[in-house]
Amino acid sequence: MITQTDLTMDPLLNLTLLKLKCLFLALTIQIGHGIRDKLTDYWATMDQLYTLFYSTTMKQDRYLHILGYLNFTDNRNEPDRTDENFDRLWKIQNLSEISNGTFSKLGLRWQSD
């Protein structure tokens, strides 16, 4: 569990928990707009992959540490991968349903083209 004390240990990144959540969400949304082979490529320093946004927003290790603690479903309920209707996004189905319910209460709807 990340505590406020842990967040203030790095003098360059003295963060409140709210700001940390916002930065994590911003990075996660931005990652959805780029195309990389591996998650760690977003923090790559090679000229052909380097993007300043990721390394200046949050250290890779911190992002991966937080990401490792996110679980949206019980792994014991994994559907059969050999089923032709297997949903590769089954782990975030609950999150998707909650988000859609919340957005619909606000009058927002997901529209696919």
Protein backbone atom coordinates (compact mmCIF):
# COMPACT_ATOMS: atom_id res chain seq x y z
CA MET A 1 0.00 0.00 0.00
CA ILE A 2 1.30 3.45 -0.89
CA THR A 3 1.16 5.94 1.97
CA GLN A 4 1.52 9.70 1.99
CA THR A 5 4.94 9.23 3.63
CA ASP A 6 6.08 7.12 0.66
CA LEU A 7 4.99 9.85 -1.73
CA THR A 8 6.98 12.57 -0.01
CA MET A 9 10.21 10.56 0.24
CA ASP A 10 11.28 11.68 -3.24
CA PRO A 11 12.04 15.42 -2.96
CA LEU A 12 11.54 15.89 -6.71
CA LEU A 13 8.08 14.36 -6.58
CA ASN A 14 6.43 15.60 -3.41
CA LEU A 15 2.90 14.51 -4.31
CA THR A 16 -0.46 14.44 -2.67
CA LEU A 17 -2.45 11.25 -3.13
CA LEU A 18 -4.98 13.08 -5.31
CA LYS A 19 -2.26 14.45 -7.59
CA LEU A 20 -0.70 10.99 -7.84
CA LYS A 21 -4.04 9.52 -8.90
CA CYS A 22 -4.48 12.24 -11.51
CA LEU A 23 -0.99 11.73 -12.91
CA PHE A 24 -1.48 7.96 -13.05
CA LEU A 25 -4.79 8.38 -14.87
CA ALA A 26 -3.27 10.92 -17.29
CA LEU A 27 -0.44 8.54 -18.15
CA THR A 28 -2.81 5.63 -18.58
CA ILE A 29 -5.05 7.60 -20.94
CA GLN A 30 -2.05 8.89 -22.91
CA ILE A 31 -0.64 5.37 -23.26
CA GLY A 32 -3.85 4.45 -25.07
CA HIS A 33 -2.98 7.01 -27.77
CA GLY A 34 0.52 5.79 -28.54
CA ILE A 35 1.69 2.58 -30.13
CA ARG A 36 4.54 0.74 -28.44
CA ASP A 37 5.42 -2.94 -28.30
CA LYS A 38 5.87 -3.04 -24.52
CA LEU A 39 4.62 -0.89 -21.68
CA THR A 40 8.19 -0.04 -20.68
CA ASP A 41 8.83 1.40 -24.16
CA TYR A 42 6.88 4.50 -23.17
CA TRP A 43 9.78 5.41 -20.87
CA ALA A 44 12.50 4.36 -23.35
CA THR A 45 15.39 6.76 -23.84
CA MET A 46 16.22 5.63 -27.38
CA ASP A 47 15.77 8.47 -29.87
CA GLN A 48 13.19 6.62 -31.96
CA LEU A 49 10.96 5.89 -28.95
CA TYR A 50 11.65 8.75 -26.53
CA THR A 51 8.66 10.79 -25.42
CA LEU A 52 9.34 13.45 -22.80
CA PHE A 53 5.81 13.33 -21.37
CA TYR A 54 6.14 9.91 -19.72
CA SER A 55 9.49 10.36 -18.01
CA THR A 56 8.68 13.84 -16.71
CA THR A 57 5.20 12.93 -15.45
CA MET A 58 6.05 9.84 -13.40
CA LYS A 59 8.97 7.47 -13.05
CA GLN A 60 8.45 4.14 -14.81
CA ASP A 61 9.03 2.14 -11.62
CA ARG A 62 6.40 4.12 -9.72
CA TYR A 63 3.84 3.71 -12.52
CA LEU A 64 4.46 -0.05 -12.76
CA HIS A 65 4.31 -0.37 -8.96
CA ILE A 66 0.87 1.25 -8.85
CA LEU A 67 -0.29 -0.72 -11.88
CA GLY A 68 0.72 -3.96 -10.17
CA TYR A 69 -1.78 -3.30 -7.38
CA LEU A 70 -4.77 -2.70 -9.65
CA ASN A 71 -7.18 -5.63 -9.78
CA PHE A 72 -10.71 -5.34 -11.07
CA THR A 73 -11.82 -8.95 -10.88
CA ASP A 74 -11.13 -12.26 -9.19
CA ASN A 75 -8.73 -14.37 -11.28
CA ARG A 76 -10.50 -17.52 -10.09
CA ASN A 77 -13.42 -16.51 -12.32
CA GLU A 78 -11.40 -16.54 -15.54
CA PRO A 79 -13.49 -17.80 -18.46
CA ASP A 80 -12.33 -20.65 -20.69
CA ARG A 81 -9.69 -19.27 -23.08
CA THR A 82 -10.50 -21.95 -25.65
CA ASP A 83 -14.13 -20.80 -25.91
CA GLU A 84 -14.72 -19.09 -29.26
CA ASN A 85 -16.55 -16.29 -27.41
CA PHE A 86 -13.65 -15.68 -24.98
CA ASP A 87 -13.47 -11.98 -24.11
CA ARG A 88 -9.84 -10.87 -23.86
CA LEU A 89 -10.97 -7.88 -21.80
CA TRP A 90 -12.75 -9.99 -19.18
CA LYS A 91 -10.55 -8.64 -16.38
CA ILE A 92 -11.85 -5.11 -16.81
CA GLN A 93 -15.48 -5.98 -17.60
CA ASN A 94 -16.60 -4.93 -14.10
CA LEU A 95 -14.75 -1.62 -14.40
CA SER A 96 -16.33 -1.03 -17.79
CA GLU A 97 -19.83 -1.68 -16.46
CA ILE A 98 -19.29 0.62 -13.47
CA SER A 99 -17.86 3.37 -15.68
CA ASN A 100 -20.70 3.09 -18.19
CA GLY A 101 -23.27 3.28 -15.36
CA THR A 102 -21.61 6.34 -13.89
CA PHE A 103 -21.26 8.07 -17.24
CA SER A 104 -24.87 7.36 -18.16
CA LYS A 105 -26.00 8.97 -14.87
CA LEU A 106 -24.14 12.07 -16.01
CA GLY A 107 -25.81 11.95 -19.40
CA LEU A 108 -22.64 10.78 -21.17
CA ARG A 109 -22.71 7.83 -23.54
CA TRP A 110 -20.01 5.82 -25.25
CA GLN A 111 -20.39 5.99 -29.00
CA SER A 112 -18.39 3.82 -31.35
CA ASP A 113 -18.01 4.71 -34.99
